[in-house]
Protein backbone atom coordinates (compact mmCIF):
# COMPACT_ATOMS: atom_id res chain seq x y z
CA MET A 1 17.55 17.89 -7.71
CA ALA A 2 14.06 16.33 -8.01
CA GLY A 3 11.91 13.09 -7.39
CA ILE A 4 9.63 11.09 -8.13
CA TYR A 5 7.31 9.11 -5.59
CA ILE A 6 4.44 6.41 -7.17
CA HIS A 7 2.10 5.36 -4.57
CA ILE A 8 0.55 1.55 -4.84
CA PRO A 9 -2.23 1.61 -3.29
CA PHE A 10 -2.76 -2.29 -2.87
CA CYS A 11 -2.03 -4.80 -0.56
CA ARG A 12 -2.92 -8.84 -0.46
CA LYS A 13 -4.00 -8.27 3.06
CA ALA A 14 -4.49 -5.56 5.91
CA CYS A 15 -1.58 -5.39 8.83
CA ARG A 16 -3.74 -4.71 12.29
CA TYR A 17 -1.06 -1.21 12.52
CA CYS A 18 -1.28 0.53 9.20
CA ASP A 19 -3.16 3.73 8.39
CA PHE A 20 -1.48 4.01 4.78
CA HIS A 21 -4.02 4.17 1.90
CA PHE A 22 -4.50 1.28 0.48
CA ASN A 23 -7.10 -0.91 -1.07
CA LEU A 24 -7.51 -5.46 -1.57
CA SER A 25 -9.64 -4.91 -4.55
CA LEU A 26 -6.04 -6.03 -7.04
CA TRP A 27 -8.95 -6.80 -9.97
CA GLN A 28 -7.97 -2.55 -9.88
CA LYS A 29 -4.52 -3.18 -10.79
CA ASN A 30 -4.24 -2.28 -14.47
CA GLU A 31 -6.79 0.46 -14.72
CA MET A 32 -4.55 1.93 -11.80
CA VAL A 33 -1.36 1.20 -13.89
CA GLU A 34 -3.00 3.06 -16.44
CA CYS A 35 -3.87 5.78 -14.69
CA ILE A 36 -0.55 6.33 -12.89
CA ILE A 37 1.08 6.52 -16.06
CA THR A 38 -1.72 9.21 -17.57
CA GLU A 39 -1.01 11.50 -14.15
CA ILE A 40 3.35 11.43 -14.78
CA GLU A 41 2.83 12.36 -18.16
CA LYS A 42 -0.10 14.66 -17.34
CA ARG A 43 2.60 16.34 -14.94
CA LYS A 44 5.73 16.27 -17.28
CA ASN A 45 6.32 19.98 -17.62
CA GLU A 46 5.87 20.31 -12.95
CA LEU A 47 9.53 20.50 -12.83
CA HIS A 48 10.76 22.93 -15.32
CA ASP A 49 13.22 20.70 -16.80
CA GLU A 50 14.99 19.64 -13.66
CA ILE A 51 17.09 16.39 -13.71
CA ILE A 52 15.54 13.67 -11.72
CA ASP A 53 17.82 11.99 -8.95
CA THR A 54 15.53 9.48 -7.31
CA ILE A 55 12.52 7.45 -8.06
CA TYR A 56 10.61 5.37 -5.56
CA PHE A 57 8.07 2.89 -5.15
CA GLY A 58 5.61 3.27 -2.21
CA GLY A 59 2.61 1.97 -0.99
CA GLY A 60 0.86 -0.01 -0.42
CA THR A 61 2.55 -2.77 -1.40
CA PRO A 62 4.03 -2.65 -4.99
CA SER A 63 5.68 -6.07 -4.82
CA VAL A 64 1.94 -7.03 -6.05
CA LEU A 65 2.84 -5.61 -9.28
CA GLU A 66 3.51 -7.46 -12.52
CA ILE A 67 6.88 -7.08 -13.75
CA GLU A 68 5.23 -5.72 -17.05
CA GLN A 69 3.33 -2.91 -15.02
CA LEU A 70 6.50 -2.19 -13.24
CA LYS A 71 7.81 -1.45 -16.67
CA LYS A 72 5.36 0.36 -18.17
CA ILE A 73 5.26 3.14 -15.40
CA LEU A 74 9.18 3.11 -15.61
CA GLU A 75 9.36 3.90 -18.98
CA SER A 76 6.31 6.17 -18.97
CA ILE A 77 8.42 8.21 -16.26
CA TYR A 78 11.77 7.76 -18.63
CA LYS A 79 9.85 9.61 -21.52
CA SER A 80 8.02 12.24 -19.23
CA PHE A 81 11.25 13.65 -17.31
CA ARG A 82 15.12 13.98 -17.70
CA ILE A 83 16.64 11.04 -15.41
CA ARG A 84 20.13 11.61 -14.56
CA ASP A 85 22.52 8.72 -14.74
CA ASN A 86 21.96 5.90 -12.64
CA PRO A 87 19.18 7.08 -10.57
CA GLU A 88 18.36 5.31 -7.05
CA ILE A 89 15.21 3.37 -7.72
CA THR A 90 13.78 2.55 -3.99
CA PHE A 91 11.53 -0.82 -4.89
CA GLU A 92 8.90 -1.55 -1.41
CA ALA A 93 8.35 -4.97 -1.21
CA ASN A 94 6.55 -7.72 0.83
CA PRO A 95 8.85 -10.90 1.84
CA ASP A 96 6.33 -13.04 0.02
CA ASP A 97 6.11 -11.61 -3.16
CA LEU A 98 10.23 -12.26 -3.27
CA LYS A 99 10.62 -15.50 -5.25
CA VAL A 100 13.85 -15.24 -7.43
CA PRO A 101 12.38 -14.94 -10.65
CA TYR A 102 11.10 -12.12 -8.97
CA ILE A 103 14.06 -10.22 -7.71
CA GLU A 104 15.75 -11.06 -10.81
CA ASN A 105 13.00 -9.08 -12.37
CA LEU A 106 13.45 -6.32 -10.65
CA ILE A 107 17.04 -6.11 -11.19
CA ASN A 108 16.39 -6.59 -14.45
CA SER A 109 14.08 -3.37 -14.98
CA GLY A 110 16.65 -0.84 -13.30
CA ILE A 111 15.51 -0.94 -9.70
CA ASN A 112 19.37 -1.00 -8.01
CA ARG A 113 17.63 -0.27 -3.84
CA LEU A 114 14.88 -2.82 -2.23
CA SER A 115 13.10 -1.84 0.69
CA ILE A 116 12.16 -4.95 2.74
CA GLY A 117 8.91 -4.59 4.78
CA ILE A 118 10.27 -7.19 7.22
CA GLN A 119 9.19 -5.94 10.92
CA SER A 120 9.92 -8.89 12.95
CA PHE A 121 11.93 -12.14 12.47
CA PHE A 122 9.93 -13.43 15.44
CA ASP A 123 6.34 -15.43 14.41
CA LYS A 124 4.11 -14.36 17.13
CA ASP A 125 5.31 -10.50 16.21
CA LEU A 126 4.50 -11.41 12.53
CA SER A 127 1.18 -13.32 13.45
CA LEU A 128 0.01 -10.20 15.70
CA MET A 129 0.55 -7.76 13.32
CA ARG A 130 -1.06 -10.08 10.90
CA ARG A 131 1.89 -9.53 8.25
CA SER A 132 1.97 -12.30 5.18
CA HIS A 133 4.67 -13.70 5.66
CA ASP A 134 6.44 -15.88 8.43
CA SER A 135 10.46 -15.77 10.15
CA PRO A 136 11.96 -18.41 7.69
CA MET A 137 10.60 -16.20 5.14
CA ALA A 138 12.06 -13.26 6.02
CA HIS A 139 15.58 -14.94 6.81
CA GLN A 140 15.42 -16.57 3.35
CA VAL A 141 14.21 -13.52 1.24
CA ILE A 142 17.24 -11.14 2.44
CA SER A 143 19.81 -14.07 1.44
CA ASP A 144 18.02 -14.16 -2.14
CA ALA A 145 17.96 -11.25 -2.76
CA LYS A 146 21.62 -10.48 -1.71
CA ALA A 147 22.77 -13.78 -3.88
CA THR A 148 20.56 -12.65 -6.89
CA GLY A 149 22.70 -9.11 -7.00
CA PHE A 150 21.53 -6.52 -4.88
CA LYS A 151 23.32 -4.24 -3.14
CA ASN A 152 21.45 -2.01 -1.57
CA ILE A 153 19.10 -3.40 0.76
CA ASN A 154 16.79 -1.85 3.34
CA ILE A 155 14.74 -3.25 6.24
CA ASP A 156 12.12 -2.30 8.03
CA LEU A 157 11.73 -3.23 11.92
CA ILE A 158 8.93 -2.49 13.77
CA TYR A 159 9.82 -2.21 17.96
CA GLY A 160 7.46 -0.98 20.84
CA ILE A 161 5.23 -4.18 19.96
CA PRO A 162 2.64 -5.55 22.66
CA GLY A 163 4.21 -8.07 24.30
CA GLN A 164 7.86 -7.95 22.92
CA THR A 165 11.20 -8.34 25.34
CA SER A 166 14.37 -6.02 25.01
CA ASP A 167 16.27 -9.60 24.30
CA GLU A 168 13.44 -10.11 21.32
CA TRP A 169 14.20 -6.56 19.95
CA SER A 170 17.81 -7.08 20.74
CA GLU A 171 17.73 -10.26 18.39
CA ASN A 172 15.90 -8.81 15.85
CA LEU A 173 18.38 -6.31 15.73
CA GLU A 174 21.40 -8.90 15.73
CA ILE A 175 19.85 -11.17 12.99
CA ALA A 176 19.08 -7.80 10.65
CA LEU A 177 22.71 -6.95 11.44
CA ASN A 178 24.50 -9.76 10.66
CA SER A 179 22.55 -10.40 7.09
CA GLY A 180 24.54 -8.16 5.12
CA ILE A 181 22.30 -5.24 4.72
CA GLN A 182 23.54 -1.60 4.56
CA HIS A 183 20.17 0.33 5.76
CA ILE A 184 17.57 -0.50 8.36
CA SER A 185 14.49 1.44 9.15
CA ALA A 186 13.25 1.29 12.31
CA TYR A 187 9.93 2.75 13.89
CA HIS A 188 8.34 2.07 17.02
CA LEU A 189 4.63 0.69 17.22
CA THR A 190 2.39 3.61 16.89
CA PHE A 191 -1.85 3.03 17.48
CA GLU A 192 -2.65 5.46 14.48
CA PRO A 193 -7.13 5.99 14.78
CA GLY A 194 -8.85 3.52 12.84
CA THR A 195 -6.73 0.70 12.65
CA VAL A 196 -6.98 -2.41 13.83
CA PHE A 197 -4.55 -2.27 17.32
CA ASP A 198 -6.27 1.21 18.04
CA HIS A 199 -9.24 -0.37 18.29
CA TRP A 200 -8.32 -3.59 20.51
CA ARG A 201 -6.22 -1.23 22.99
CA LYS A 202 -9.24 1.02 23.73
CA LYS A 203 -10.99 -2.02 24.05
CA GLY A 204 -8.46 -3.48 26.76
CA ARG A 205 -7.13 -6.57 24.07
CA ILE A 206 -3.81 -5.66 23.91
CA THR A 207 -1.59 -2.79 26.28
CA PRO A 208 1.23 0.15 24.56
CA VAL A 209 4.22 -0.82 25.95
CA THR A 210 5.30 1.78 28.62
CA GLU A 211 8.07 4.86 27.97
CA ASP A 212 10.17 2.96 30.34
CA VAL A 213 10.44 0.13 27.59
CA SER A 214 10.64 1.95 24.65
CA LEU A 215 13.19 4.12 25.96
CA GLU A 216 15.30 0.64 26.70
CA LEU A 217 14.10 -0.37 23.07
CA PHE A 218 15.26 2.89 21.68
CA LYS A 219 18.71 2.96 24.09
CA ILE A 220 19.08 -0.56 22.38
CA LEU A 221 18.90 0.67 18.76
CA LEU A 222 21.13 2.76 18.79
CA ILE A 223 23.77 0.27 20.79
CA LYS A 224 23.46 -2.22 18.49
CA THR A 225 23.59 -0.14 15.35
CA GLY A 226 26.28 1.78 16.48
CA TYR A 227 28.30 -1.02 17.00
CA TYR A 228 28.02 -2.87 13.53
CA GLY A 229 29.02 1.09 12.10
CA PHE A 230 25.74 2.10 11.08
CA GLU A 231 24.98 5.67 11.30
CA HIS A 232 22.20 7.16 12.85
CA TYR A 233 21.19 9.74 10.02
CA GLU A 234 17.43 10.27 10.83
CA ILE A 235 15.25 9.58 13.40
CA SER A 236 14.08 6.46 12.55
CA ASN A 237 17.08 5.35 10.05
CA TYR A 238 20.32 3.65 10.02
CA ALA A 239 22.56 3.39 7.39
CA LEU A 240 26.38 1.97 6.69
CA PRO A 241 28.74 4.94 5.38
CA GLY A 242 27.45 5.69 1.90
CA TYR A 243 24.00 3.78 1.55
CA ILE A 244 21.25 6.66 2.78
CA SER A 245 18.51 7.20 1.48
CA GLU A 246 18.66 9.20 -1.15
CA HIS A 247 15.01 10.11 -1.76
CA ASN A 248 14.07 10.50 1.72
CA THR A 249 17.23 12.60 2.28
CA ASN A 250 15.45 14.70 -0.30
CA TYR A 251 12.14 15.12 0.93
CA TRP A 252 14.18 15.96 4.62
CA LYS A 253 16.46 18.60 2.83
CA GLN A 254 13.15 19.98 1.17
CA LYS A 255 14.01 19.76 -2.56
CA LYS A 256 10.96 19.28 -4.82
CA TYR A 257 9.14 15.93 -5.69
CA ILE A 258 6.02 14.81 -7.75
CA GLY A 259 4.10 12.13 -5.98
CA THR A 260 1.70 10.44 -8.25
CA GLY A 261 -0.78 7.68 -7.53
CA PRO A 262 -3.74 7.66 -4.77
CA SER A 263 -3.35 9.93 -1.63
CA ALA A 264 0.44 10.71 -3.19
CA HIS A 265 1.37 13.96 -2.28
CA SER A 266 3.58 16.45 -3.80
CA TYR A 267 6.36 19.57 -3.17
CA ASP A 268 7.40 22.23 -5.87
CA GLY A 269 8.94 24.76 -3.08
CA ILE A 270 5.93 26.51 -2.89
CA ARG A 271 3.12 24.14 -2.96
CA ARG A 272 1.66 21.11 -1.13
CA ARG A 273 0.05 19.23 -3.39
CA TRP A 274 -1.86 15.55 -2.56
CA ASN A 275 -3.96 13.79 -4.45
CA ILE A 276 -7.39 12.24 -3.30
CA ASN A 277 -7.03 8.97 -1.33
CA ASN A 278 -9.34 6.68 -2.99
CA ASN A 279 -8.82 4.34 -6.02
CA ARG A 280 -12.09 4.42 -7.41
CA LYS A 281 -12.37 7.97 -7.58
CA TYR A 282 -8.72 8.45 -8.87
CA ILE A 283 -9.35 5.76 -11.18
CA ASP A 284 -12.64 7.32 -12.89
CA MET A 285 -11.02 11.03 -12.55
CA LEU A 286 -7.93 10.46 -14.74
CA SER A 287 -9.25 8.30 -17.15
CA ALA A 288 -12.53 11.35 -18.04
CA GLY A 289 -9.14 13.91 -18.50
CA GLY A 290 -10.26 15.85 -15.39
CA GLU A 291 -8.13 18.28 -13.41
CA ASP A 292 -9.87 17.54 -9.84
CA TYR A 293 -8.19 14.37 -8.63
CA TYR A 294 -6.08 16.50 -6.21
CA GLY A 295 -6.18 19.58 -3.64
CA TYR A 296 -3.01 22.20 -2.94
CA GLU A 297 -2.20 24.82 -0.77
CA VAL A 298 -0.14 27.72 -1.33
CA LEU A 299 2.69 27.66 1.44
CA THR A 300 2.75 30.70 3.70
CA GLU A 301 6.11 31.69 5.15
CA THR A 302 5.14 30.42 8.43
CA ASP A 303 4.42 27.34 6.59
CA LEU A 304 8.04 26.98 4.99
CA TYR A 305 9.61 27.58 8.24
CA ASN A 306 7.60 24.68 10.19
CA GLU A 307 8.73 22.69 7.27
CA VAL A 308 12.43 23.57 7.19
CA ILE A 309 12.40 23.14 10.99
CA LEU A 310 9.82 19.52 10.63
CA THR A 311 12.23 18.15 8.12
CA SER A 312 15.56 19.05 9.53
CA LEU A 313 15.48 18.50 12.72
CA ARG A 314 14.49 14.55 11.85
CA MET A 315 18.23 14.47 10.71
CA ASN A 316 21.20 14.24 12.63
CA THR A 317 22.74 17.44 10.40
CA GLY A 318 20.08 19.73 12.37
CA VAL A 319 19.18 23.12 11.52
CA ASP A 320 21.59 26.09 11.03
CA LEU A 321 20.65 29.11 12.47
CA SER A 322 22.35 31.00 9.71
CA VAL A 323 20.06 29.60 6.98
CA ILE A 324 16.60 30.36 8.61
CA ASN A 325 18.16 33.87 9.08
CA GLU A 326 18.97 33.87 5.30
CA LYS A 327 15.88 32.45 4.04
CA PHE A 328 13.00 34.15 6.68
CA GLY A 329 14.87 36.80 8.55
CA GLU A 330 16.13 37.73 11.83
CA LYS A 331 12.45 37.61 13.13
CA TYR A 332 12.22 33.63 12.88
CA ALA A 333 15.69 33.04 13.83
CA GLU A 334 15.33 35.21 17.35
CA TYR A 335 12.19 32.57 17.78
CA PHE A 336 14.53 29.80 16.54
CA SER A 337 17.09 30.23 19.08
CA LYS A 338 15.31 31.28 22.22
CA THR A 339 13.14 28.09 21.86
CA ALA A 340 16.02 26.51 21.37
CA GLU A 341 17.58 27.06 24.79
CA LYS A 342 15.93 25.05 27.47
CA PHE A 343 16.60 22.13 25.24
CA ILE A 344 20.05 23.06 25.10
CA LYS A 345 20.37 23.02 28.94
CA SER A 346 18.43 19.91 29.42
CA GLY A 347 20.65 18.38 26.37
CA ARG A 348 18.38 17.41 24.54
CA ILE A 349 20.32 20.09 21.57
CA ILE A 350 23.29 20.02 20.98
CA LYS A 351 24.66 23.50 19.55
CA GLU A 352 27.93 23.24 17.09
CA GLY A 353 28.45 26.87 16.37
CA SER A 354 25.16 27.92 14.30
CA THR A 355 24.21 24.83 13.87
CA TYR A 356 21.61 23.03 15.98
CA LYS A 357 20.85 19.30 16.70
CA LEU A 358 19.03 16.68 18.06
CA SER A 359 21.28 14.27 21.16
CA GLU A 360 20.26 11.17 20.87
CA GLU A 361 18.00 11.55 24.45
CA GLY A 362 16.36 14.33 21.69
CA PHE A 363 15.29 12.05 19.33
CA PHE A 364 13.85 10.00 21.57
CA ILE A 365 10.73 13.01 21.58
CA ALA A 366 11.56 14.41 18.40
CA ASP A 367 7.81 14.96 18.00
CA TYR A 368 7.46 17.16 20.77
CA ILE A 369 10.69 18.87 20.62
CA MET A 370 9.93 19.98 17.09
CA ALA A 371 6.46 21.30 18.05
CA GLU A 372 7.68 23.44 20.43
CA PHE A 373 9.85 24.99 17.61
CA PHE A 374 6.49 25.94 14.95
CA GLU A 375 5.60 29.14 14.58
CA VAL A 376 1.93 29.14 14.31
């Protein structure tokens, strides 16, 4: 069981909150696609003939691709790897790219899971974030995707936007949950270094919401999604039964994956690998046939333990202490169980037999809790 991730490093506009790797130079698309295909072919033996269960197009904005470019990448993946029957193939897209003919072509290309970057159904939020679509477009694209034949649709939403009220966030969720989608990825806005929003925050142009407001919005999210039958299966992800993201879940279960394209990461169970995050250098290095377009590290036992903690506690299945003991030995198991005691007492971790899971209150401060378990 393994996955393939393809990073499409282009966007039509730069959103003010985003720190992912992308470039606005769309004229490089053809070169980039050819180099991604070259990388796929170069790495066809890395997974030792394991079966690929999931393929994920992320970015950036994959929907800037022409359909023929998408097909060429998929053809190279099927040629280079063993793919299971009916794999989950996810495609991230912006609403403004998803005209009906394009959606039809996505389905015909084999895409069976569509992830749409809605972020908000309020024009004032979209304008503040510098999104390239408006509210009517956000409504229309979900309707079009369903009518065209997509039966597995995720939408991304952002909360904690400066000026956002609890009523507005509640309405955002009501719209989403009544739209017939199967999955929601809801992220609290963060002010990442180097972004426009972070610059504005430092200049006092915008003010982050308070922790009390953040908690209120998070509670609304839990209540609304739960009422509509969505399972909170990972910190930021909610799905109807049978619709969890297989690809992302495999990350959190420490399954192997290959990441292609600039800035993409890979993991083979022993090594963590990352591609250079510069489009021009990536293209030049792949075109020249070199191997210097990536770096890597061999993970130590402590690194691997930290990986298990980081990924497992993210999910509602939690950490099984017996697995920690089996993989890393009694020393790590004792360290974990001792660290967990204070969080159990505070109600932020729930212990069920040998399994330790974050409570809903624990999910709200998950980053802090996970860091407390790390071994240095």
